[in-house]
Amino acid sequence: MPLYEYRCKACGEGLEEVQPVGSGPPGPCPACGGELRRVYGRVAVRFSGWGFSRTDSLVPGDRPRKDFKALREKAEEIAEG
């Protein structure tokens, strides 16, 4: 079961509670009886493996890449007719 963090709206007291996924606040604040609100923290996400935009272009020959010089030459060729 995940560990959830709550903070009291009235007094600011913090509380951590192990609860099933999707559960509501565990009840009133133990310090003052006020309403507890869930605190959302930062999450670390690491994308790894193929299928993500950062790694898609690393496969050699997967997508033909042309440098600026080649593109300019092609544009001039088209412009000249």
PDB file of N, CA and C in Angstrom:
ATOM      1  N   MET A   1       0.847  -1.186   0.000  1.00  0.00           N
ATOM      2  CA  MET A   1       0.000   0.000   0.000  1.00  0.00           C
ATOM      3  C   MET A   1       0.887   1.243   0.000  1.00  0.00           C
ATOM      4  N   PRO A   2       0.440   2.284  -0.692  1.00  0.00           N
ATOM      5  CA  PRO A   2       1.245   3.508  -0.765  1.00  0.00           C
ATOM      6  C   PRO A   2       1.162   4.351   0.503  1.00  0.00           C
ATOM      7  N   LEU A   3       2.173   5.175   0.663  1.00  0.00           N
ATOM      8  CA  LEU A   3       2.246   6.116   1.773  1.00  0.00           C
ATOM      9  C   LEU A   3       1.762   7.471   1.274  1.00  0.00           C
ATOM     10  N   TYR A   4       0.732   8.016   1.884  1.00  0.00           N
ATOM     11  CA  TYR A   4       0.182   9.316   1.506  1.00  0.00           C
ATOM     12  C   TYR A   4       0.527  10.350   2.566  1.00  0.00           C
ATOM     13  N   GLU A   5       0.735  11.576   2.107  1.00  0.00           N
ATOM     14  CA  GLU A   5       1.031  12.679   3.020  1.00  0.00           C
ATOM     15  C   GLU A   5      -0.156  13.635   3.036  1.00  0.00           C
ATOM     16  N   TYR A   6      -0.548  14.048   4.238  1.00  0.00           N
ATOM     17  CA  TYR A   6      -1.661  14.983   4.412  1.00  0.00           C
ATOM     18  C   TYR A   6      -1.195  16.167   5.237  1.00  0.00           C
ATOM     19  N   ARG A   7      -1.856  17.309   5.038  1.00  0.00           N
ATOM     20  CA  ARG A   7      -1.573  18.512   5.818  1.00  0.00           C
ATOM     21  C   ARG A   7      -2.913  19.129   6.215  1.00  0.00           C
ATOM     22  N   CYS A   8      -2.983  19.597   7.453  1.00  0.00           N
ATOM     23  CA  CYS A   8      -4.200  20.211   7.977  1.00  0.00           C
ATOM     24  C   CYS A   8      -4.367  21.614   7.400  1.00  0.00           C
ATOM     25  N   LYS A   9      -5.574  21.915   6.924  1.00  0.00           N
ATOM     26  CA  LYS A   9      -5.856  23.248   6.379  1.00  0.00           C
ATOM     27  C   LYS A   9      -5.858  24.311   7.475  1.00  0.00           C
ATOM     28  N   ALA A  10      -6.218  23.920   8.686  1.00  0.00           N
ATOM     29  CA  ALA A  10      -6.341  24.886   9.779  1.00  0.00           C
ATOM     30  C   ALA A  10      -5.015  25.187  10.471  1.00  0.00           C
ATOM     31  N   CYS A  11      -4.295  24.147  10.889  1.00  0.00           N
ATOM     32  CA  CYS A  11      -3.086  24.373  11.693  1.00  0.00           C
ATOM     33  C   CYS A  11      -1.783  24.064  10.955  1.00  0.00           C
ATOM     34  N   GLY A  12      -1.862  23.416   9.783  1.00  0.00           N
ATOM     35  CA  GLY A  12      -0.655  23.112   9.019  1.00  0.00           C
ATOM     36  C   GLY A  12       0.081  21.864   9.476  1.00  0.00           C
ATOM     37  N   GLU A  13      -0.479  21.138  10.428  1.00  0.00           N
ATOM     38  CA  GLU A  13       0.138  19.907  10.923  1.00  0.00           C
ATOM     39  C   GLU A  13       0.219  18.879   9.798  1.00  0.00           C
ATOM     40  N   GLY A  14       1.371  18.187   9.696  1.00  0.00           N
ATOM     41  CA  GLY A  14       1.562  17.171   8.667  1.00  0.00           C
ATOM     42  C   GLY A  14       1.331  15.778   9.213  1.00  0.00           C
ATOM     43  N   LEU A  15       0.900  14.874   8.339  1.00  0.00           N
ATOM     44  CA  LEU A  15       0.599  13.511   8.742  1.00  0.00           C
ATOM     45  C   LEU A  15       0.878  12.588   7.559  1.00  0.00           C
ATOM     46  N   GLU A  16       1.536  11.464   7.805  1.00  0.00           N
ATOM     47  CA  GLU A  16       1.743  10.443   6.782  1.00  0.00           C
ATOM     48  C   GLU A  16       0.913   9.227   7.153  1.00  0.00           C
ATOM     49  N   GLU A  17       0.273   8.644   6.150  1.00  0.00           N
ATOM     50  CA  GLU A  17      -0.633   7.528   6.401  1.00  0.00           C
ATOM     51  C   GLU A  17      -0.491   6.486   5.292  1.00  0.00           C
ATOM     52  N   VAL A  18      -0.362   5.213   5.678  1.00  0.00           N
ATOM     53  CA  VAL A  18      -0.348   4.118   4.710  1.00  0.00           C
ATOM     54  C   VAL A  18      -1.799   3.718   4.484  1.00  0.00           C
ATOM     55  N   GLN A  19      -2.251   3.849   3.208  1.00  0.00           N
ATOM     56  CA  GLN A  19      -3.651   3.586   2.880  1.00  0.00           C
ATOM     57  C   GLN A  19      -3.763   2.888   1.534  1.00  0.00           C
ATOM     58  N   PRO A  20      -4.892   2.225   1.288  1.00  0.00           N
ATOM     59  CA  PRO A  20      -5.117   1.649  -0.036  1.00  0.00           C
ATOM     60  C   PRO A  20      -5.219   2.750  -1.098  1.00  0.00           C
ATOM     61  N   VAL A  21      -4.897   2.406  -2.335  1.00  0.00           N
ATOM     62  CA  VAL A  21      -4.979   3.353  -3.439  1.00  0.00           C
ATOM     63  C   VAL A  21      -6.411   3.868  -3.564  1.00  0.00           C
ATOM     64  N   GLY A  22      -6.553   5.180  -3.734  1.00  0.00           N
ATOM     65  CA  GLY A  22      -7.859   5.792  -3.933  1.00  0.00           C
ATOM     66  C   GLY A  22      -8.605   6.132  -2.658  1.00  0.00           C
ATOM     67  N   SER A  23      -8.009   5.896  -1.500  1.00  0.00           N
ATOM     68  CA  SER A  23      -8.677   6.227  -0.242  1.00  0.00           C
ATOM     69  C   SER A  23      -8.700   7.728  -0.025  1.00  0.00           C
ATOM     70  N   GLY A  24      -9.676   8.184   0.717  1.00  0.00           N
ATOM     71  CA  GLY A  24      -9.766   9.590   1.076  1.00  0.00           C
ATOM     72  C   GLY A  24      -8.932   9.889   2.306  1.00  0.00           C
ATOM     73  N   PRO A  25      -9.015  11.121   2.802  1.00  0.00           N
ATOM     74  CA  PRO A  25      -8.276  11.488   4.013  1.00  0.00           C
ATOM     75  C   PRO A  25      -8.644  10.561   5.171  1.00  0.00           C
ATOM     76  N   PRO A  26      -7.680  10.301   6.064  1.00  0.00           N
ATOM     77  CA  PRO A  26      -7.910   9.350   7.148  1.00  0.00           C
ATOM     78  C   PRO A  26      -8.861   9.842   8.235  1.00  0.00           C
ATOM     79  N   GLY A  27      -9.317  11.059   8.155  1.00  0.00           N
ATOM     80  CA  GLY A  27     -10.208  11.608   9.175  1.00  0.00           C
ATOM     81  C   GLY A  27      -9.774  13.016   9.524  1.00  0.00           C
ATOM     82  N   PRO A  28     -10.203  13.529  10.661  1.00  0.00           N
ATOM     83  CA  PRO A  28      -9.807  14.888  11.051  1.00  0.00           C
ATOM     84  C   PRO A  28      -8.357  14.942  11.535  1.00  0.00           C
ATOM     85  N   CYS A  29      -7.811  16.134  11.564  1.00  0.00           N
ATOM     86  CA  CYS A  29      -6.447  16.362  12.039  1.00  0.00           C
ATOM     87  C   CYS A  29      -6.333  15.913  13.493  1.00  0.00           C
ATOM     88  N   PRO A  30      -5.318  15.106  13.818  1.00  0.00           N
ATOM     89  CA  PRO A  30      -5.164  14.660  15.204  1.00  0.00           C
ATOM     90  C   PRO A  30      -4.796  15.792  16.162  1.00  0.00           C
ATOM     91  N   ALA A  31      -4.224  16.887  15.645  1.00  0.00           N
ATOM     92  CA  ALA A  31      -3.799  17.993  16.508  1.00  0.00           C
ATOM     93  C   ALA A  31      -4.948  18.940  16.842  1.00  0.00           C
ATOM     94  N   CYS A  32      -5.757  19.300  15.808  1.00  0.00           N
ATOM     95  CA  CYS A  32      -6.783  20.320  16.059  1.00  0.00           C
ATOM     96  C   CYS A  32      -8.179  19.909  15.604  1.00  0.00           C
ATOM     97  N   GLY A  33      -8.303  18.792  14.898  1.00  0.00           N
ATOM     98  CA  GLY A  33      -9.612  18.351  14.418  1.00  0.00           C
ATOM     99  C   GLY A  33     -10.016  18.970  13.089  1.00  0.00           C
ATOM    100  N   GLY A  34      -9.104  19.729  12.471  1.00  0.00           N
ATOM    101  CA  GLY A  34      -9.403  20.376  11.191  1.00  0.00           C
ATOM    102  C   GLY A  34      -9.383  19.398  10.021  1.00  0.00           C
ATOM    103  N   GLU A  35      -9.706  19.937   8.843  1.00  0.00           N
ATOM    104  CA  GLU A  35      -9.764  19.122   7.633  1.00  0.00           C
ATOM    105  C   GLU A  35      -8.366  18.848   7.082  1.00  0.00           C
ATOM    106  N   LEU A  36      -8.092  17.588   6.768  1.00  0.00           N
ATOM    107  CA  LEU A  36      -6.807  17.206   6.177  1.00  0.00           C
ATOM    108  C   LEU A  36      -6.908  17.244   4.654  1.00  0.00           C
ATOM    109  N   ARG A  37      -5.872  17.760   4.019  1.00  0.00           N
ATOM    110  CA  ARG A  37      -5.780  17.799   2.553  1.00  0.00           C
ATOM    111  C   ARG A  37      -4.555  17.010   2.129  1.00  0.00           C
ATOM    112  N   ARG A  38      -4.683  16.276   1.044  1.00  0.00           N
ATOM    113  CA  ARG A  38      -3.560  15.477   0.556  1.00  0.00           C
ATOM    114  C   ARG A  38      -2.507  16.383  -0.061  1.00  0.00           C
ATOM    115  N   VAL A  39      -1.237  16.092   0.232  1.00  0.00           N
ATOM    116  CA  VAL A  39      -0.104  16.845  -0.300  1.00  0.00           C
ATOM    117  C   VAL A  39       0.499  16.022  -1.435  1.00  0.00           C
ATOM    118  N   TYR A  40       0.651  16.651  -2.593  1.00  0.00           N
ATOM    119  CA  TYR A  40       1.251  15.976  -3.746  1.00  0.00           C
ATOM    120  C   TYR A  40       2.694  16.415  -3.871  1.00  0.00           C
ATOM    121  N   GLY A  41       3.597  15.466  -3.883  1.00  0.00           N
ATOM    122  CA  GLY A  41       5.020  15.765  -3.996  1.00  0.00           C
ATOM    123  C   GLY A  41       5.510  15.581  -5.420  1.00  0.00           C
ATOM    124  N   ARG A  42       6.778  15.835  -5.607  1.00  0.00           N
ATOM    125  CA  ARG A  42       7.401  15.660  -6.912  1.00  0.00           C
ATOM    126  C   ARG A  42       7.582  14.181  -7.212  1.00  0.00           C
ATOM    127  N   VAL A  43       7.569  13.879  -8.483  1.00  0.00           N
ATOM    128  CA  VAL A  43       7.740  12.503  -8.931  1.00  0.00           C
ATOM    129  C   VAL A  43       8.902  12.461  -9.907  1.00  0.00           C
ATOM    130  N   ALA A  44       9.777  11.513  -9.736  1.00  0.00           N
ATOM    131  CA  ALA A  44      10.884  11.333 -10.673  1.00  0.00           C
ATOM    132  C   ALA A  44      10.458  10.331 -11.737  1.00  0.00           C
ATOM    133  N   VAL A  45      10.588  10.733 -12.991  1.00  0.00           N
ATOM    134  CA  VAL A  45      10.227   9.862 -14.103  1.00  0.00           C
ATOM    135  C   VAL A  45      11.443   9.702 -14.996  1.00  0.00           C
ATOM    136  N   ARG A  46      11.743   8.473 -15.330  1.00  0.00           N
ATOM    137  CA  ARG A  46      12.871   8.213 -16.221  1.00  0.00           C
ATOM    138  C   ARG A  46      12.351   7.432 -17.421  1.00  0.00           C
ATOM    139  N   PHE A  47      12.478   8.042 -18.598  1.00  0.00           N
ATOM    140  CA  PHE A  47      12.084   7.370 -19.820  1.00  0.00           C
ATOM    141  C   PHE A  47      13.290   6.618 -20.348  1.00  0.00           C
ATOM    142  N   SER A  48      13.151   5.333 -20.557  1.00  0.00           N
ATOM    143  CA  SER A  48      14.258   4.566 -21.099  1.00  0.00           C
ATOM    144  C   SER A  48      13.725   3.578 -22.122  1.00  0.00           C
ATOM    145  N   GLY A  49      14.579   3.193 -23.011  1.00  0.00           N
ATOM    146  CA  GLY A  49      14.187   2.256 -24.046  1.00  0.00           C
ATOM    147  C   GLY A  49      13.768   2.976 -25.305  1.00  0.00           C
ATOM    148  N   TRP A  50      13.506   2.222 -26.323  1.00  0.00           N
ATOM    149  CA  TRP A  50      13.132   2.802 -27.608  1.00  0.00           C
ATOM    150  C   TRP A  50      11.658   3.168 -27.588  1.00  0.00           C
ATOM    151  N   GLY A  51      11.337   4.157 -28.381  1.00  0.00           N
ATOM    152  CA  GLY A  51       9.952   4.599 -28.458  1.00  0.00           C
ATOM    153  C   GLY A  51       9.744   5.979 -27.875  1.00  0.00           C
ATOM    154  N   PHE A  52      10.792   6.589 -27.370  1.00  0.00           N
ATOM    155  CA  PHE A  52      10.691   7.936 -26.843  1.00  0.00           C
ATOM    156  C   PHE A  52      11.448   8.868 -27.763  1.00  0.00           C
ATOM    157  N   SER A  53      10.974  10.069 -27.931  1.00  0.00           N
ATOM    158  CA  SER A  53      11.533  10.984 -28.929  1.00  0.00           C
ATOM    159  C   SER A  53      13.027  11.223 -28.751  1.00  0.00           C
ATOM    160  N   ARG A  54      13.518  11.209 -27.555  1.00  0.00           N
ATOM    161  CA  ARG A  54      14.938  11.465 -27.326  1.00  0.00           C
ATOM    162  C   ARG A  54      15.798  10.327 -27.879  1.00  0.00           C
ATOM    163  N   THR A  55      15.302   9.116 -27.830  1.00  0.00           N
ATOM    164  CA  THR A  55      16.096   7.977 -28.273  1.00  0.00           C
ATOM    165  C   THR A  55      15.763   7.529 -29.689  1.00  0.00           C
ATOM    166  N   ASP A  56      14.638   7.964 -30.241  1.00  0.00           N
ATOM    167  CA  ASP A  56      14.256   7.538 -31.588  1.00  0.00           C
ATOM    168  C   ASP A  56      15.302   7.892 -32.622  1.00  0.00           C
ATOM    169  N   SER A  57      15.892   9.058 -32.517  1.00  0.00           N
ATOM    170  CA  SER A  57      16.830   9.513 -33.538  1.00  0.00           C
ATOM    171  C   SER A  57      18.223   8.908 -33.374  1.00  0.00           C
ATOM    172  N   LEU A  58      18.436   8.086 -32.372  1.00  0.00           N
ATOM    173  CA  LEU A  58      19.756   7.519 -32.142  1.00  0.00           C
ATOM    174  C   LEU A  58      20.017   6.256 -32.956  1.00  0.00           C
ATOM    175  N   VAL A  59      18.993   5.710 -33.565  1.00  0.00           N
ATOM    176  CA  VAL A  59      19.176   4.507 -34.362  1.00  0.00           C
ATOM    177  C   VAL A  59      19.749   4.913 -35.712  1.00  0.00           C
ATOM    178  N   PRO A  60      20.995   4.497 -36.017  1.00  0.00           N
ATOM    179  CA  PRO A  60      21.581   4.899 -37.292  1.00  0.00           C
ATOM    180  C   PRO A  60      20.796   4.308 -38.460  1.00  0.00           C
ATOM    181  N   GLY A  61      20.539   5.148 -39.454  1.00  0.00           N
ATOM    182  CA  GLY A  61      19.826   4.699 -40.634  1.00  0.00           C
ATOM    183  C   GLY A  61      18.326   4.604 -40.453  1.00  0.00           C
ATOM    184  N   ASP A  62      17.843   4.883 -39.264  1.00  0.00           N
ATOM    185  CA  ASP A  62      16.409   4.812 -39.020  1.00  0.00           C
ATOM    186  C   ASP A  62      15.678   5.906 -39.795  1.00  0.00           C
ATOM    187  N   ARG A  63      16.245   7.085 -39.771  1.00  0.00           N
ATOM    188  CA  ARG A  63      15.700   8.214 -40.519  1.00  0.00           C
ATOM    189  C   ARG A  63      16.853   8.864 -41.260  1.00  0.00           C
ATOM    190  N   PRO A  64      16.701   9.072 -42.564  1.00  0.00           N
ATOM    191  CA  PRO A  64      17.796   9.724 -43.280  1.00  0.00           C
ATOM    192  C   PRO A  64      17.950  11.165 -42.808  1.00  0.00           C
ATOM    193  N   ARG A  65      19.166  11.551 -42.534  1.00  0.00           N
ATOM    194  CA  ARG A  65      19.447  12.916 -42.084  1.00  0.00           C
ATOM    195  C   ARG A  65      20.300  13.597 -43.138  1.00  0.00           C
ATOM    196  N   LYS A  66      19.923  14.823 -43.462  1.00  0.00           N
ATOM    197  CA  LYS A  66      20.693  15.594 -44.428  1.00  0.00           C
ATOM    198  C   LYS A  66      21.191  16.839 -43.722  1.00  0.00           C
ATOM    199  N   ASP A  67      22.419  17.157 -43.958  1.00  0.00           N
ATOM    200  CA  ASP A  67      22.953  18.363 -43.345  1.00  0.00           C
ATOM    201  C   ASP A  67      22.455  19.593 -44.108  1.00  0.00           C
ATOM    202  N   PHE A  68      22.713  20.747 -43.560  1.00  0.00           N
ATOM    203  CA  PHE A  68      22.229  21.997 -44.137  1.00  0.00           C
ATOM    204  C   PHE A  68      22.768  22.211 -45.541  1.00  0.00           C
ATOM    205  N   LYS A  69      24.019  21.851 -45.770  1.00  0.00           N
ATOM    206  CA  LYS A  69      24.635  22.041 -47.085  1.00  0.00           C
ATOM    207  C   LYS A  69      23.884  21.245 -48.154  1.00  0.00           C
ATOM    208  N   ALA A  70      23.557  20.008 -47.869  1.00  0.00           N
ATOM    209  CA  ALA A  70      22.831  19.174 -48.823  1.00  0.00           C
ATOM    210  C   ALA A  70      21.440  19.740 -49.098  1.00  0.00           C
ATOM    211  N   LEU A  71      20.777  20.250 -48.071  1.00  0.00           N
ATOM    212  CA  LEU A  71      19.460  20.850 -48.262  1.00  0.00           C
ATOM    213  C   LEU A  71      19.543  22.108 -49.117  1.00  0.00           C
ATOM    214  N   ARG A  72      20.565  22.924 -48.887  1.00  0.00           N
ATOM    215  CA  ARG A  72      20.746  24.143 -49.676  1.00  0.00           C
ATOM    216  C   ARG A  72      20.991  23.804 -51.141  1.00  0.00           C
ATOM    217  N   GLU A  73      21.831  22.806 -51.391  1.00  0.00           N
ATOM    218  CA  GLU A  73      22.116  22.394 -52.764  1.00  0.00           C
ATOM    219  C   GLU A  73      20.850  21.899 -53.457  1.00  0.00           C
ATOM    220  N   LYS A  74      20.037  21.142 -52.760  1.00  0.00           N
ATOM    221  CA  LYS A  74      18.788  20.644 -53.341  1.00  0.00           C
ATOM    222  C   LYS A  74      17.839  21.802 -53.633  1.00  0.00           C
ATOM    223  N   ALA A  75      17.756  22.778 -52.732  1.00  0.00           N
ATOM    224  CA  ALA A  75      16.895  23.944 -52.942  1.00  0.00           C
ATOM    225  C   ALA A  75      17.354  24.743 -54.153  1.00  0.00           C
ATOM    226  N   GLU A  76      18.661  24.911 -54.317  1.00  0.00           N
ATOM    227  CA  GLU A  76      19.191  25.635 -55.477  1.00  0.00           C
ATOM    228  C   GLU A  76      18.894  24.876 -56.769  1.00  0.00           C
ATOM    229  N   GLU A  77      19.007  23.555 -56.725  1.00  0.00           N
ATOM    230  CA  GLU A  77      18.724  22.727 -57.896  1.00  0.00           C
ATOM    231  C   GLU A  77      17.259  22.872 -58.320  1.00  0.00           C
ATOM    232  N   ILE A  78      16.363  22.873 -57.351  1.00  0.00           N
ATOM    233  CA  ILE A  78      14.936  23.025 -57.641  1.00  0.00           C
ATOM    234  C   ILE A  78      14.649  24.422 -58.177  1.00  0.00           C
ATOM    235  N   ALA A  79      15.284  25.431 -57.579  1.00  0.00           N
ATOM    236  CA  ALA A  79      15.059  26.817 -58.001  1.00  0.00           C
ATOM    237  C   ALA A  79      15.531  27.056 -59.434  1.00  0.00           C
ATOM    238  N   GLU A  80      16.613  26.418 -59.837  1.00  0.00           N
ATOM    239  CA  GLU A  80      17.149  26.599 -61.188  1.00  0.00           C
ATOM    240  C   GLU A  80      16.288  25.892 -62.230  1.00  0.00           C
ATOM    241  N   GLY A  81      15.522  24.935 -61.811  1.00  0.00           N
ATOM    242  CA  GLY A  81      14.605  24.274 -62.728  1.00  0.00           C
ATOM    243  C   GLY A  81      15.195  23.106 -63.319  1.00  0.00           C
TER     244      GLY A  81
END
